[in-house]
Amino acid sequence: WLMAVFAWAALSLPLLSPNALAAVTEGKEFK
């Protein structure tokens, strides 16, 4: 997982997305 996403990151600067998630779900993105 991490190698894939970091390979993606290297090709997609700027790395801080201007569009934050509309919401996060407890039990999924965080707990």
All heavy atoms as atom14 arrays in JSON, in Angstrom:
{
  "sequence": "WLMAVFAWAALSLPLLSPNALAAVTEGKEFK",
  "atom14_mask": [
    [1, 1, 1, 1, 1, 1, 1, 1, 1, 1, 1, 1, 1, 1],
    [1, 1, 1, 1, 1, 1, 1, 1, 0, 0, 0, 0, 0, 0],
    [1, 1, 1, 1, 1, 1, 1, 1, 0, 0, 0, 0, 0, 0],
    [1, 1, 1, 1, 1, 0, 0, 0, 0, 0, 0, 0, 0, 0],
    [1, 1, 1, 1, 1, 1, 1, 0, 0, 0, 0, 0, 0, 0],
    [1, 1, 1, 1, 1, 1, 1, 1, 1, 1, 1, 0, 0, 0],
    [1, 1, 1, 1, 1, 0, 0, 0, 0, 0, 0, 0, 0, 0],
    [1, 1, 1, 1, 1, 1, 1, 1, 1, 1, 1, 1, 1, 1],
    [1, 1, 1, 1, 1, 0, 0, 0, 0, 0, 0, 0, 0, 0],
    [1, 1, 1, 1, 1, 0, 0, 0, 0, 0, 0, 0, 0, 0],
    [1, 1, 1, 1, 1, 1, 1, 1, 0, 0, 0, 0, 0, 0],
    [1, 1, 1, 1, 1, 1, 0, 0, 0, 0, 0, 0, 0, 0],
    [1, 1, 1, 1, 1, 1, 1, 1, 0, 0, 0, 0, 0, 0],
    [1, 1, 1, 1, 1, 1, 1, 0, 0, 0, 0, 0, 0, 0],
    [1, 1, 1, 1, 1, 1, 1, 1, 0, 0, 0, 0, 0, 0],
    [1, 1, 1, 1, 1, 1, 1, 1, 0, 0, 0, 0, 0, 0],
    [1, 1, 1, 1, 1, 1, 0, 0, 0, 0, 0, 0, 0, 0],
    [1, 1, 1, 1, 1, 1, 1, 0, 0, 0, 0, 0, 0, 0],
    [1, 1, 1, 1, 1, 1, 1, 1, 0, 0, 0, 0, 0, 0],
    [1, 1, 1, 1, 1, 0, 0, 0, 0, 0, 0, 0, 0, 0],
    [1, 1, 1, 1, 1, 1, 1, 1, 0, 0, 0, 0, 0, 0],
    [1, 1, 1, 1, 1, 0, 0, 0, 0, 0, 0, 0, 0, 0],
    [1, 1, 1, 1, 1, 0, 0, 0, 0, 0, 0, 0, 0, 0],
    [1, 1, 1, 1, 1, 1, 1, 0, 0, 0, 0, 0, 0, 0],
    [1, 1, 1, 1, 1, 1, 1, 0, 0, 0, 0, 0, 0, 0],
    [1, 1, 1, 1, 1, 1, 1, 1, 1, 0, 0, 0, 0, 0],
    [1, 1, 1, 1, 0, 0, 0, 0, 0, 0, 0, 0, 0, 0],
    [1, 1, 1, 1, 1, 1, 1, 1, 1, 0, 0, 0, 0, 0],
    [1, 1, 1, 1, 1, 1, 1, 1, 1, 0, 0, 0, 0, 0],
    [1, 1, 1, 1, 1, 1, 1, 1, 1, 1, 1, 0, 0, 0],
    [1, 1, 1, 1, 1, 1, 1, 1, 1, 0, 0, 0, 0, 0]
  ],
  "atom14_positions": [
    [[0.82, -1.21, 0.0], [0.0, 0.0, 0.0], [0.85, 1.25, 0.0], [0.66, 2.16, -0.81], [-0.93, 0.01, 1.22], [-1.68, 1.3, 1.35], [-2.8, 1.68, 0.68], [-1.35, 2.39, 2.21], [-3.18, 2.93, 1.07], [-2.31, 3.4, 2.0], [-0.33, 2.62, 3.14], [-2.29, 4.59, 2.68], [-0.3, 3.81, 3.81], [-1.27, 4.78, 3.58]],
    [[1.82, 1.31, 0.92], [2.59, 2.54, 1.06], [3.45, 2.82, -0.15], [3.55, 3.97, -0.6], [3.46, 2.44, 2.32], [2.68, 2.69, 3.61], [3.5, 2.22, 4.81], [2.32, 4.14, 3.78], [0.0, 0.0, 0.0], [0.0, 0.0, 0.0], [0.0, 0.0, 0.0], [0.0, 0.0, 0.0], [0.0, 0.0, 0.0], [0.0, 0.0, 0.0]],
    [[4.07, 1.81, -0.73], [4.9, 2.03, -1.9], [4.06, 2.57, -3.06], [4.48, 3.43, -3.81], [5.63, 0.75, -2.31], [6.74, 0.35, -1.34], [7.98, 1.66, -1.13], [9.1, 0.85, 0.0], [0.0, 0.0, 0.0], [0.0, 0.0, 0.0], [0.0, 0.0, 0.0], [0.0, 0.0, 0.0], [0.0, 0.0, 0.0], [0.0, 0.0, 0.0]],
    [[2.85, 2.04, -3.19], [1.98, 2.51, -4.27], [1.59, 3.97, -4.08], [1.65, 4.77, -5.01], [0.71, 1.64, -4.32], [0.0, 0.0, 0.0], [0.0, 0.0, 0.0], [0.0, 0.0, 0.0], [0.0, 0.0, 0.0], [0.0, 0.0, 0.0], [0.0, 0.0, 0.0], [0.0, 0.0, 0.0], [0.0, 0.0, 0.0], [0.0, 0.0, 0.0]],
    [[1.2, 4.32, -2.85], [0.77, 5.7, -2.66], [1.91, 6.68, -2.72], [1.76, 7.81, -3.17], [-0.01, 5.87, -1.33], [-1.3, 5.08, -1.36], [0.82, 5.5, -0.12], [0.0, 0.0, 0.0], [0.0, 0.0, 0.0], [0.0, 0.0, 0.0], [0.0, 0.0, 0.0], [0.0, 0.0, 0.0], [0.0, 0.0, 0.0], [0.0, 0.0, 0.0]],
    [[3.11, 6.26, -2.3], [4.24, 7.18, -2.38], [4.71, 7.34, -3.82], [5.19, 8.4, -4.2], [5.38, 6.72, -1.48], [5.1, 6.94, -0.03], [5.23, 5.9, 0.88], [4.68, 8.16, 0.44], [4.95, 6.1, 2.22], [4.4, 8.37, 1.77], [4.54, 7.34, 2.66], [0.0, 0.0, 0.0], [0.0, 0.0, 0.0], [0.0, 0.0, 0.0]],
    [[4.57, 6.29, -4.63], [4.87, 6.43, -6.05], [3.9, 7.41, -6.67], [4.26, 8.25, -7.49], [4.77, 5.07, -6.73], [0.0, 0.0, 0.0], [0.0, 0.0, 0.0], [0.0, 0.0, 0.0], [0.0, 0.0, 0.0], [0.0, 0.0, 0.0], [0.0, 0.0, 0.0], [0.0, 0.0, 0.0], [0.0, 0.0, 0.0], [0.0, 0.0, 0.0]],
    [[2.62, 7.31, -6.27], [1.62, 8.27, -6.73], [1.99, 9.67, -6.29], [1.87, 10.63, -7.06], [0.26, 7.88, -6.14], [-0.83, 8.86, -6.43], [-1.68, 8.89, -7.49], [-1.17, 10.0, -5.64], [-2.51, 9.96, -7.39], [-2.24, 10.66, -6.28], [-0.67, 10.52, -4.43], [-2.81, 11.8, -5.76], [-1.25, 11.67, -3.93], [-2.31, 12.29, -4.58]],
    [[2.45, 9.82, -5.06], [2.75, 11.15, -4.52], [3.85, 11.83, -5.29], [3.83, 13.04, -5.51], [3.16, 11.03, -3.05], [0.0, 0.0, 0.0], [0.0, 0.0, 0.0], [0.0, 0.0, 0.0], [0.0, 0.0, 0.0], [0.0, 0.0, 0.0], [0.0, 0.0, 0.0], [0.0, 0.0, 0.0], [0.0, 0.0, 0.0], [0.0, 0.0, 0.0]],
    [[4.83, 11.06, -5.71], [5.97, 11.64, -6.41], [5.56, 12.28, -7.73], [6.23, 13.16, -8.26], [7.02, 10.56, -6.67], [0.0, 0.0, 0.0], [0.0, 0.0, 0.0], [0.0, 0.0, 0.0], [0.0, 0.0, 0.0], [0.0, 0.0, 0.0], [0.0, 0.0, 0.0], [0.0, 0.0, 0.0], [0.0, 0.0, 0.0], [0.0, 0.0, 0.0]],
    [[4.41, 11.84, -8.27], [3.95, 12.34, -9.55], [2.83, 13.36, -9.43], [2.28, 13.79, -10.43], [3.45, 11.16, -10.41], [4.5, 10.09, -10.72], [3.83, 8.92, -11.44], [5.62, 10.67, -11.57], [0.0, 0.0, 0.0], [0.0, 0.0, 0.0], [0.0, 0.0, 0.0], [0.0, 0.0, 0.0], [0.0, 0.0, 0.0], [0.0, 0.0, 0.0]],
    [[2.49, 13.74, -8.21], [1.29, 14.56, -8.05], [1.48, 15.75, -7.14], [0.61, 16.1, -6.38], [0.16, 13.68, -7.5], [0.56, 13.09, -6.29], [0.0, 0.0, 0.0], [0.0, 0.0, 0.0], [0.0, 0.0, 0.0], [0.0, 0.0, 0.0], [0.0, 0.0, 0.0], [0.0, 0.0, 0.0], [0.0, 0.0, 0.0], [0.0, 0.0, 0.0]],
    [[2.59, 16.45, -7.18], [2.78, 17.67, -6.44], [1.88, 18.75, -7.02], [1.64, 18.78, -8.23], [4.26, 18.1, -6.51], [5.24, 17.15, -5.82], [6.67, 17.59, -6.11], [5.01, 17.08, -4.34], [0.0, 0.0, 0.0], [0.0, 0.0, 0.0], [0.0, 0.0, 0.0], [0.0, 0.0, 0.0], [0.0, 0.0, 0.0], [0.0, 0.0, 0.0]],
    [[1.35, 19.74, -6.23], [1.6, 19.84, -4.8], [0.88, 18.75, -4.03], [-0.19, 18.34, -4.41], [1.07, 21.23, -4.43], [0.0, 21.47, -5.44], [0.47, 20.8, -6.73], [0.0, 0.0, 0.0], [0.0, 0.0, 0.0], [0.0, 0.0, 0.0], [0.0, 0.0, 0.0], [0.0, 0.0, 0.0], [0.0, 0.0, 0.0], [0.0, 0.0, 0.0]],
    [[1.47, 18.32, -2.92], [0.98, 17.14, -2.23], [-0.13, 17.44, -1.24], [-0.81, 16.53, -0.8], [2.15, 16.46, -1.51], [3.11, 15.79, -2.49], [4.44, 15.52, -1.79], [2.54, 14.5, -3.02], [0.0, 0.0, 0.0], [0.0, 0.0, 0.0], [0.0, 0.0, 0.0], [0.0, 0.0, 0.0], [0.0, 0.0, 0.0], [0.0, 0.0, 0.0]],
    [[-0.31, 18.68, -0.88], [-1.4, 19.0, 0.02], [-2.61, 19.38, -0.81], [-2.63, 20.39, -1.49], [-1.0, 20.16, 0.95], [0.12, 19.8, 1.91], [0.39, 20.97, 2.84], [-0.2, 18.57, 2.71], [0.0, 0.0, 0.0], [0.0, 0.0, 0.0], [0.0, 0.0, 0.0], [0.0, 0.0, 0.0], [0.0, 0.0, 0.0], [0.0, 0.0, 0.0]],
    [[-3.63, 18.51, -0.76], [-4.8, 18.71, -1.61], [-5.55, 19.97, -1.21], [-5.78, 20.22, -0.03], [-5.73, 17.51, -1.46], [-6.98, 17.78, -2.04], [0.0, 0.0, 0.0], [0.0, 0.0, 0.0], [0.0, 0.0, 0.0], [0.0, 0.0, 0.0], [0.0, 0.0, 0.0], [0.0, 0.0, 0.0], [0.0, 0.0, 0.0], [0.0, 0.0, 0.0]],
    [[-5.97, 20.79, -2.19], [-6.75, 21.97, -1.86], [-8.17, 21.62, -1.46], [-8.89, 22.43, -0.9], [-6.74, 22.78, -3.16], [-6.57, 21.75, -4.23], [-5.7, 20.69, -3.62], [0.0, 0.0, 0.0], [0.0, 0.0, 0.0], [0.0, 0.0, 0.0], [0.0, 0.0, 0.0], [0.0, 0.0, 0.0], [0.0, 0.0, 0.0], [0.0, 0.0, 0.0]],
    [[-8.6, 20.38, -1.75], [-9.97, 19.97, -1.45], [-9.97, 18.91, -0.37], [-9.78, 17.73, -0.64], [-10.64, 19.42, -2.71], [-10.7, 20.45, -3.82], [-11.09, 21.58, -3.58], [-10.31, 20.04, -5.04], [0.0, 0.0, 0.0], [0.0, 0.0, 0.0], [0.0, 0.0, 0.0], [0.0, 0.0, 0.0], [0.0, 0.0, 0.0], [0.0, 0.0, 0.0]],
    [[-10.14, 19.33, 0.86], [-10.18, 18.38, 1.97], [-11.41, 17.5, 1.87], [-12.38, 17.83, 1.2], [-10.17, 19.14, 3.3], [0.0, 0.0, 0.0], [0.0, 0.0, 0.0], [0.0, 0.0, 0.0], [0.0, 0.0, 0.0], [0.0, 0.0, 0.0], [0.0, 0.0, 0.0], [0.0, 0.0, 0.0], [0.0, 0.0, 0.0], [0.0, 0.0, 0.0]],
    [[-11.36, 16.36, 2.51], [-12.52, 15.47, 2.51], [-13.72, 16.18, 3.12], [-13.6, 16.94, 4.07], [-12.21, 14.22, 3.33], [-11.03, 13.37, 2.84], [-10.82, 12.23, 3.82], [-11.26, 12.86, 1.45], [0.0, 0.0, 0.0], [0.0, 0.0, 0.0], [0.0, 0.0, 0.0], [0.0, 0.0, 0.0], [0.0, 0.0, 0.0], [0.0, 0.0, 0.0]],
    [[-14.89, 15.91, 2.56], [-16.1, 16.53, 3.08], [-16.38, 16.04, 4.49], [-16.88, 16.77, 5.33], [-17.28, 16.22, 2.17], [0.0, 0.0, 0.0], [0.0, 0.0, 0.0], [0.0, 0.0, 0.0], [0.0, 0.0, 0.0], [0.0, 0.0, 0.0], [0.0, 0.0, 0.0], [0.0, 0.0, 0.0], [0.0, 0.0, 0.0], [0.0, 0.0, 0.0]],
    [[-16.05, 14.79, 4.74], [-16.26, 14.23, 6.08], [-15.4, 12.99, 6.22], [-15.03, 12.36, 5.23], [-17.74, 13.88, 6.28], [0.0, 0.0, 0.0], [0.0, 0.0, 0.0], [0.0, 0.0, 0.0], [0.0, 0.0, 0.0], [0.0, 0.0, 0.0], [0.0, 0.0, 0.0], [0.0, 0.0, 0.0], [0.0, 0.0, 0.0], [0.0, 0.0, 0.0]],
    [[-15.11, 12.65, 7.44], [-14.41, 11.4, 7.71], [-15.32, 10.54, 8.55], [-16.2, 11.03, 9.26], [-13.07, 11.64, 8.43], [-12.1, 12.36, 7.52], [-13.26, 12.41, 9.73], [0.0, 0.0, 0.0], [0.0, 0.0, 0.0], [0.0, 0.0, 0.0], [0.0, 0.0, 0.0], [0.0, 0.0, 0.0], [0.0, 0.0, 0.0], [0.0, 0.0, 0.0]],
    [[-15.11, 9.25, 8.46], [-16.01, 8.31, 9.11], [-15.3, 7.61, 10.26], [-14.24, 7.0, 10.06], [-16.5, 7.24, 8.11], [-17.13, 7.9, 7.0], [-17.48, 6.29, 8.77], [0.0, 0.0, 0.0], [0.0, 0.0, 0.0], [0.0, 0.0, 0.0], [0.0, 0.0, 0.0], [0.0, 0.0, 0.0], [0.0, 0.0, 0.0], [0.0, 0.0, 0.0]],
    [[-15.87, 7.72, 11.44], [-15.3, 7.0, 12.58], [-15.4, 5.5, 12.32], [-16.42, 5.0, 11.86], [-16.05, 7.37, 13.87], [-15.47, 6.7, 15.1], [-16.17, 7.13, 16.39], [-16.97, 8.08, 16.34], [-15.91, 6.49, 17.42], [0.0, 0.0, 0.0], [0.0, 0.0, 0.0], [0.0, 0.0, 0.0], [0.0, 0.0, 0.0], [0.0, 0.0, 0.0]],
    [[-14.32, 4.8, 12.59], [-14.28, 3.38, 12.31], [-13.69, 3.07, 10.95], [-13.39, 1.92, 10.64], [0.0, 0.0, 0.0], [0.0, 0.0, 0.0], [0.0, 0.0, 0.0], [0.0, 0.0, 0.0], [0.0, 0.0, 0.0], [0.0, 0.0, 0.0], [0.0, 0.0, 0.0], [0.0, 0.0, 0.0], [0.0, 0.0, 0.0], [0.0, 0.0, 0.0]],
    [[-13.48, 4.12, 10.14], [-12.85, 3.94, 8.83], [-11.55, 4.72, 8.78], [-10.48, 4.17, 8.98], [-13.79, 4.36, 7.71], [-13.22, 4.1, 6.32], [-14.19, 4.56, 5.22], [-13.57, 4.33, 3.84], [-14.46, 4.83, 2.76], [0.0, 0.0, 0.0], [0.0, 0.0, 0.0], [0.0, 0.0, 0.0], [0.0, 0.0, 0.0], [0.0, 0.0, 0.0]],
    [[-11.63, 6.03, 8.53], [-10.4, 6.83, 8.46], [-9.77, 7.08, 9.82], [-8.59, 7.39, 9.91], [-10.66, 8.17, 7.76], [-10.96, 8.09, 6.29], [-12.45, 7.97, 6.02], [-13.23, 7.92, 7.0], [-12.84, 7.94, 4.85], [0.0, 0.0, 0.0], [0.0, 0.0, 0.0], [0.0, 0.0, 0.0], [0.0, 0.0, 0.0], [0.0, 0.0, 0.0]],
    [[-10.58, 6.97, 10.87], [-10.06, 7.14, 12.22], [-10.92, 6.36, 13.19], [-12.03, 5.93, 12.86], [-10.03, 8.62, 12.62], [-11.38, 9.18, 13.01], [-11.76, 9.28, 14.35], [-12.28, 9.59, 12.04], [-13.0, 9.79, 14.7], [-13.52, 10.11, 12.39], [-13.88, 10.21, 13.72], [0.0, 0.0, 0.0], [0.0, 0.0, 0.0], [0.0, 0.0, 0.0]],
    [[-10.38, 6.16, 14.39], [-11.18, 5.54, 15.43], [-10.85, 6.22, 16.76], [-9.76, 6.79, 16.92], [-10.91, 4.05, 15.53], [-9.53, 3.67, 16.04], [-9.38, 2.16, 16.17], [-8.01, 1.77, 16.71], [-7.85, 0.3, 16.83], [0.0, 0.0, 0.0], [0.0, 0.0, 0.0], [0.0, 0.0, 0.0], [0.0, 0.0, 0.0], [0.0, 0.0, 0.0]]
  ]
}
